[in-house]
Amino acid sequence: MFVIISFSGFGQNSGAFIGWEAQTHNFGEILAGDKVDHIFKFTNTGREPLIITNIEVTCGCTTPKGWPRDPIPPGGDGEFTISFNSAGKLGKVVKVIRVISNATNANNQVTLEAMITEKKSLPN
């Protein structure tokens, strides 16, 4: 007796899998002290419900808000907002945000970029 097993497509979409609309957002040039937000959107392209347990940031200048607390079914969509406060920063900034979940894909992070310039004071 022979058993034939096909592995085509196995793994990538078994379990939960985050399919990002875009994993990077560039705010372009912003002024020091500006506060900006971006909404990251995604779809669960896997075969199991997606559960996001946390969103980790690397500094207090970035704040995650509004990620889904309930499981996202296969084919379901979700989103969350990342707020960035540019106070005390100058030049090119890249912030990496990790999404902690049960997703099987390895690269579950998003990135914010900005070029921060000094505010010009008006002459008296």
C-alpha atoms as a PDB file:
ATOM      1  CA  MET A   1       0.000   0.000   0.000  1.00  0.00           C
ATOM      2  CA  PHE A   2       1.370   3.383  -1.035  1.00  0.00           C
ATOM      3  CA  VAL A   3       0.390   6.735   0.373  1.00  0.00           C
ATOM      4  CA  ILE A   4       0.947   9.827  -1.731  1.00  0.00           C
ATOM      5  CA  ILE A   5       1.162  13.126   0.115  1.00  0.00           C
ATOM      6  CA  SER A   6       1.083  16.452  -1.654  1.00  0.00           C
ATOM      7  CA  PHE A   7       2.874  19.349   0.018  1.00  0.00           C
ATOM      8  CA  SER A   8       2.038  22.021  -2.554  1.00  0.00           C
ATOM      9  CA  GLY A   9       0.775  25.071  -0.734  1.00  0.00           C
ATOM     10  CA  PHE A  10       1.233  23.380   2.623  1.00  0.00           C
ATOM     11  CA  GLY A  11       2.247  25.693   5.429  1.00  0.00           C
ATOM     12  CA  GLN A  12       1.904  29.129   3.886  1.00  0.00           C
ATOM     13  CA  ASN A  13      -1.793  29.513   4.524  1.00  0.00           C
ATOM     14  CA  SER A  14      -2.388  26.755   7.057  1.00  0.00           C
ATOM     15  CA  GLY A  15      -3.252  28.299  10.378  1.00  0.00           C
ATOM     16  CA  ALA A  16      -3.763  32.059  10.532  1.00  0.00           C
ATOM     17  CA  PHE A  17      -1.811  34.210   8.045  1.00  0.00           C
ATOM     18  CA  ILE A  18      -1.595  38.013   7.906  1.00  0.00           C
ATOM     19  CA  GLY A  19      -1.825  39.483   4.412  1.00  0.00           C
ATOM     20  CA  TRP A  20      -0.875  43.158   4.643  1.00  0.00           C
ATOM     21  CA  GLU A  21      -2.319  45.909   2.447  1.00  0.00           C
ATOM     22  CA  ALA A  22       1.085  47.610   2.949  1.00  0.00           C
ATOM     23  CA  GLN A  23       3.736  46.930   5.584  1.00  0.00           C
ATOM     24  CA  THR A  24       5.495  50.300   5.289  1.00  0.00           C
ATOM     25  CA  HIS A  25       4.156  53.833   5.471  1.00  0.00           C
ATOM     26  CA  ASN A  26       6.283  56.894   4.753  1.00  0.00           C
ATOM     27  CA  PHE A  27       4.933  60.173   6.162  1.00  0.00           C
ATOM     28  CA  GLY A  28       7.446  62.091   4.054  1.00  0.00           C
ATOM     29  CA  GLU A  29       8.686  65.362   5.521  1.00  0.00           C
ATOM     30  CA  ILE A  30       7.108  66.429   8.814  1.00  0.00           C
ATOM     31  CA  LEU A  31       8.037  69.137  11.295  1.00  0.00           C
ATOM     32  CA  ALA A  32       9.614  68.386  14.677  1.00  0.00           C
ATOM     33  CA  GLY A  33       6.810  68.151  17.203  1.00  0.00           C
ATOM     34  CA  ASP A  34       4.164  67.007  14.701  1.00  0.00           C
ATOM     35  CA  LYS A  35       1.895  64.152  15.775  1.00  0.00           C
ATOM     36  CA  VAL A  36       0.780  61.911  12.913  1.00  0.00           C
ATOM     37  CA  ASP A  37      -1.281  58.697  12.604  1.00  0.00           C
ATOM     38  CA  HIS A  38      -1.431  55.870  10.106  1.00  0.00           C
ATOM     39  CA  ILE A  39      -3.893  52.971   9.814  1.00  0.00           C
ATOM     40  CA  PHE A  40      -2.399  49.607   8.853  1.00  0.00           C
ATOM     41  CA  LYS A  41      -4.923  47.255   7.197  1.00  0.00           C
ATOM     42  CA  PHE A  42      -4.690  43.502   6.802  1.00  0.00           C
ATOM     43  CA  THR A  43      -6.635  40.367   5.900  1.00  0.00           C
ATOM     44  CA  ASN A  44      -6.477  36.929   7.494  1.00  0.00           C
ATOM     45  CA  THR A  45      -5.623  34.893   4.387  1.00  0.00           C
ATOM     46  CA  GLY A  46      -5.115  31.710   6.397  1.00  0.00           C
ATOM     47  CA  ARG A  47      -7.430  28.855   7.269  1.00  0.00           C
ATOM     48  CA  GLU A  48      -7.756  29.460  11.023  1.00  0.00           C
ATOM     49  CA  PRO A  49      -8.934  32.476  13.064  1.00  0.00           C
ATOM     50  CA  LEU A  50      -6.249  35.150  13.573  1.00  0.00           C
ATOM     51  CA  ILE A  51      -5.724  36.310  17.150  1.00  0.00           C
ATOM     52  CA  ILE A  52      -3.633  39.425  17.792  1.00  0.00           C
ATOM     53  CA  THR A  53      -2.418  39.423  21.393  1.00  0.00           C
ATOM     54  CA  ASN A  54      -0.204  42.513  21.385  1.00  0.00           C
ATOM     55  CA  ILE A  55       1.462  45.182  19.292  1.00  0.00           C
ATOM     56  CA  GLU A  56       4.996  46.028  20.424  1.00  0.00           C
ATOM     57  CA  VAL A  57       6.734  49.355  19.804  1.00  0.00           C
ATOM     58  CA  THR A  58      10.357  50.245  20.504  1.00  0.00           C
ATOM     59  CA  CYS A  59       9.922  53.699  22.033  1.00  0.00           C
ATOM     60  CA  GLY A  60       7.341  55.957  23.643  1.00  0.00           C
ATOM     61  CA  CYS A  61       7.082  58.079  20.494  1.00  0.00           C
ATOM     62  CA  THR A  62       4.941  55.403  18.812  1.00  0.00           C
ATOM     63  CA  THR A  63       1.603  54.270  20.223  1.00  0.00           C
ATOM     64  CA  PRO A  64      -0.594  51.436  18.912  1.00  0.00           C
ATOM     65  CA  LYS A  65      -4.368  51.922  19.088  1.00  0.00           C
ATOM     66  CA  GLY A  66      -7.473  49.973  18.184  1.00  0.00           C
ATOM     67  CA  TRP A  67      -6.184  46.556  17.181  1.00  0.00           C
ATOM     68  CA  PRO A  68      -8.875  43.854  17.010  1.00  0.00           C
ATOM     69  CA  ARG A  69      -9.350  42.016  20.308  1.00  0.00           C
ATOM     70  CA  ASP A  70     -11.716  39.385  18.878  1.00  0.00           C
ATOM     71  CA  PRO A  71     -10.494  36.579  16.571  1.00  0.00           C
ATOM     72  CA  ILE A  72     -10.525  37.487  12.886  1.00  0.00           C
ATOM     73  CA  PRO A  73     -12.003  34.625  10.832  1.00  0.00           C
ATOM     74  CA  PRO A  74     -10.376  33.347   7.631  1.00  0.00           C
ATOM     75  CA  GLY A  75     -11.005  35.957   4.938  1.00  0.00           C
ATOM     76  CA  GLY A  76     -11.793  38.611   7.560  1.00  0.00           C
ATOM     77  CA  ASP A  77     -10.213  42.059   7.624  1.00  0.00           C
ATOM     78  CA  GLY A  78      -8.699  44.076  10.443  1.00  0.00           C
ATOM     79  CA  GLU A  79      -6.818  47.264  11.093  1.00  0.00           C
ATOM     80  CA  PHE A  80      -5.002  49.213  13.779  1.00  0.00           C
ATOM     81  CA  THR A  81      -3.632  52.732  14.128  1.00  0.00           C
ATOM     82  CA  ILE A  82      -0.085  53.725  14.987  1.00  0.00           C
ATOM     83  CA  SER A  83       0.424  57.254  16.309  1.00  0.00           C
ATOM     84  CA  PHE A  84       3.870  58.840  16.012  1.00  0.00           C
ATOM     85  CA  ASN A  85       5.017  61.882  17.986  1.00  0.00           C
ATOM     86  CA  SER A  86       8.069  63.501  16.380  1.00  0.00           C
ATOM     87  CA  ALA A  87       8.919  65.728  19.358  1.00  0.00           C
ATOM     88  CA  GLY A  88      12.646  65.623  20.101  1.00  0.00           C
ATOM     89  CA  LYS A  89      13.531  63.917  16.828  1.00  0.00           C
ATOM     90  CA  LEU A  90      15.338  65.217  13.729  1.00  0.00           C
ATOM     91  CA  GLY A  91      16.377  63.674  10.438  1.00  0.00           C
ATOM     92  CA  LYS A  92      15.324  60.339   9.022  1.00  0.00           C
ATOM     93  CA  VAL A  93      13.376  58.146  11.425  1.00  0.00           C
ATOM     94  CA  VAL A  94      12.371  54.510  10.928  1.00  0.00           C
ATOM     95  CA  LYS A  95      10.122  52.839  13.506  1.00  0.00           C
ATOM     96  CA  VAL A  96       9.452  49.092  13.444  1.00  0.00           C
ATOM     97  CA  ILE A  97       6.268  47.818  15.082  1.00  0.00           C
ATOM     98  CA  ARG A  98       5.865  44.081  15.844  1.00  0.00           C
ATOM     99  CA  VAL A  99       2.461  42.426  15.681  1.00  0.00           C
ATOM    100  CA  ILE A 100       2.248  39.539  18.164  1.00  0.00           C
ATOM    101  CA  SER A 101      -0.291  36.946  17.036  1.00  0.00           C
ATOM    102  CA  ASN A 102      -0.885  33.303  16.205  1.00  0.00           C
ATOM    103  CA  ALA A 103      -0.115  33.944  12.502  1.00  0.00           C
ATOM    104  CA  THR A 104       2.149  31.399  10.841  1.00  0.00           C
ATOM    105  CA  ASN A 105       3.960  33.875   8.582  1.00  0.00           C
ATOM    106  CA  ALA A 106       7.305  34.980   9.978  1.00  0.00           C
ATOM    107  CA  ASN A 107       7.433  38.682   9.110  1.00  0.00           C
ATOM    108  CA  ASN A 108       4.655  40.205  11.185  1.00  0.00           C
ATOM    109  CA  GLN A 109       5.907  43.722  11.520  1.00  0.00           C
ATOM    110  CA  VAL A 110       5.121  47.079   9.992  1.00  0.00           C
ATOM    111  CA  THR A 111       7.330  50.126   9.544  1.00  0.00           C
ATOM    112  CA  LEU A 112       6.801  53.881   9.767  1.00  0.00           C
ATOM    113  CA  GLU A 113       9.253  56.277   8.139  1.00  0.00           C
ATOM    114  CA  ALA A 114       9.557  60.064   8.220  1.00  0.00           C
ATOM    115  CA  MET A 115      12.017  62.858   7.517  1.00  0.00           C
ATOM    116  CA  ILE A 116      11.747  65.251  10.449  1.00  0.00           C
ATOM    117  CA  THR A 117      12.821  68.856   9.948  1.00  0.00           C
ATOM    118  CA  GLU A 118      13.138  71.716  12.432  1.00  0.00           C
ATOM    119  CA  LYS A 119      10.344  74.222  12.758  1.00  0.00           C
ATOM    120  CA  LYS A 120      11.508  77.595  11.491  1.00  0.00           C
ATOM    121  CA  SER A 121      10.853  80.461  13.872  1.00  0.00           C
ATOM    122  CA  LEU A 122       9.343  83.565  12.361  1.00  0.00           C
ATOM    123  CA  PRO A 123      11.465  86.732  12.379  1.00  0.00           C
ATOM    124  CA  ASN A 124      10.337  89.461  14.789  1.00  0.00           C
END
